[in-house]
Protein backbone atom coordinates (compact mmCIF):
# COMPACT_ATOMS: atom_id res chain seq x y z
CA MET A 1 89.26 97.75 107.35
CA PRO A 2 90.61 97.84 103.99
CA ASN A 3 94.30 97.31 103.17
CA ASN A 4 95.50 99.49 100.55
CA ALA A 5 98.77 98.35 99.15
CA ASP A 6 100.70 100.44 96.43
CA PHE A 7 101.38 98.05 93.51
CA SER A 8 104.06 100.41 91.82
CA GLY A 9 107.11 98.20 91.53
CA LEU A 10 105.23 95.05 91.37
CA GLU A 11 105.29 92.95 88.33
CA ILE A 12 101.75 92.66 87.70
CA GLN A 13 99.85 89.52 86.17
CA TYR A 14 96.28 89.51 85.39
CA ILE A 15 93.69 86.72 85.60
CA GLU A 16 89.93 86.76 84.55
CA ILE A 17 87.54 84.99 86.81
CA GLN A 18 83.90 84.60 87.80
CA PRO A 19 83.25 83.78 91.47
CA ASP A 20 79.76 82.90 92.32
CA GLY A 21 77.69 86.09 92.98
CA TRP A 22 80.24 88.25 91.37
CA VAL A 23 80.13 90.05 87.80
CA PRO A 24 83.15 88.74 85.66
CA LEU A 25 86.39 89.98 87.23
CA VAL A 26 90.01 90.91 86.43
CA ILE A 27 92.37 90.18 89.32
CA GLU A 28 95.79 91.71 89.20
CA TYR A 29 98.65 90.44 91.40
CA GLY A 30 102.34 90.42 92.05
CA ILE A 31 104.96 89.48 94.51
CA LYS A 32 106.30 91.58 96.92
CA ASN A 33 109.62 90.71 98.50
CA ASP A 34 109.65 91.77 102.33
CA ALA A 35 110.98 89.43 104.82
CA PHE A 36 109.59 86.55 102.57
CA PRO A 37 107.63 86.68 99.36
CA ILE A 38 104.01 87.53 99.54
CA TYR A 39 101.35 87.76 96.86
CA TYR A 40 99.62 91.01 96.74
CA TRP A 41 96.25 90.85 94.78
CA ARG A 42 93.21 92.82 94.30
CA VAL A 43 90.01 93.05 92.03
CA LYS A 44 91.17 95.44 89.25
CA GLY A 45 89.48 98.91 89.81
CA THR A 46 89.41 98.70 93.59
CA LYS A 47 92.23 99.42 96.25
CA HIS A 48 91.59 96.94 98.87
CA THR A 49 94.80 94.39 98.61
CA PHE A 50 94.40 90.98 99.79
CA THR A 51 97.82 89.33 100.79
CA ILE A 52 99.06 85.64 101.16
CA PRO A 53 102.69 84.10 101.21
CA VAL A 54 103.79 82.82 97.97
CA SER A 55 104.72 79.31 99.47
CA ARG A 56 101.14 79.15 100.84
CA LEU A 57 99.08 80.23 97.86
CA ASP A 58 101.53 77.60 95.79
CA PHE A 59 100.60 74.93 98.42
CA ILE A 60 97.07 75.15 98.70
CA SER A 61 96.29 76.15 94.98
CA SER A 62 98.75 73.80 93.51
CA GLY A 63 99.37 76.63 91.07
CA ASN A 64 95.75 77.22 90.26
CA TYR A 65 95.73 80.76 91.49
CA GLY A 66 92.27 81.60 89.83
CA GLU A 67 90.66 79.13 92.12
CA HIS A 68 91.96 80.38 95.34
CA PHE A 69 91.02 83.88 94.06
CA LYS A 70 87.36 82.80 93.31
CA GLU A 71 87.19 81.04 96.78
CA ALA A 72 88.69 83.78 98.67
CA LEU A 73 86.12 86.29 97.18
CA GLU A 74 83.29 83.97 97.37
CA GLY A 75 83.97 83.94 101.24
CA PHE A 76 84.49 87.86 100.99
CA ARG A 77 81.25 88.36 99.52
CA GLU A 78 79.42 86.69 102.53
CA ASP A 79 80.97 89.04 104.79
CA TYR A 80 79.87 91.74 102.46
CA LEU A 81 76.09 90.72 102.34
CA ASN A 82 76.50 90.68 106.21
CA TRP A 83 77.55 94.17 106.28
CA SER A 84 74.88 95.04 103.87
CA ARG A 85 72.19 93.51 105.88
CA GLU A 86 73.43 95.51 108.93
CA GLY A 87 73.23 98.80 106.73
CA PHE A 88 77.23 99.15 106.44
CA ILE A 89 77.30 100.65 109.80
CA THR A 90 80.90 101.12 110.17
CA GLU A 91 83.23 103.66 108.39
CA TRP A 92 85.23 100.86 106.88
CA SER A 93 82.33 98.87 105.87
CA ARG A 94 81.12 101.64 103.85
CA GLU A 95 84.63 102.10 102.16
CA TYR A 96 84.29 98.32 101.18
CA ARG A 97 80.45 99.16 99.80
CA ASN A 98 82.15 102.02 97.69
CA GLN A 99 84.68 99.65 96.30
CA TYR A 100 82.70 96.77 95.62
CA ALA A 101 78.85 97.69 95.00
CA LYS A 102 79.51 97.17 91.25
CA TYR A 103 81.27 93.98 91.30
CA ILE A 104 78.99 92.00 93.90
CA ILE A 105 75.55 90.75 93.05
CA ILE A 106 73.15 91.06 95.54
C-alpha cells in the first residue's frame, strides 16, 4: 500500500545513511504544513513516502534524523522480506518490490 506523495513545493533536504541490510542510501525529506507540520521522507529514487509529525520525530530522534530513518527502514526491510517469502502475492507488495529491489540486500 505505497503512499506516493508529491514532493514539489517542499524544501528538500538530503542525508546519506546505510541501514543494516540495505545498500548505501540517500534520504530526501521535507516538511509539509497541513493541519500540523509533517515530515515527508523517502529513499531517493523511490516514490513511496513515509510520514511522521515533526514534533514526534524531534522528540524520538533528539535531532538525529538519520538514526530514525535507519531504524524505520530496518523494520521496513523485515516486512519486505516477509512479502518476498510469500512471493509478493499482492499488487501493492509487488509495487514495493519494484521500488526497493535494488536497495534491499536479501
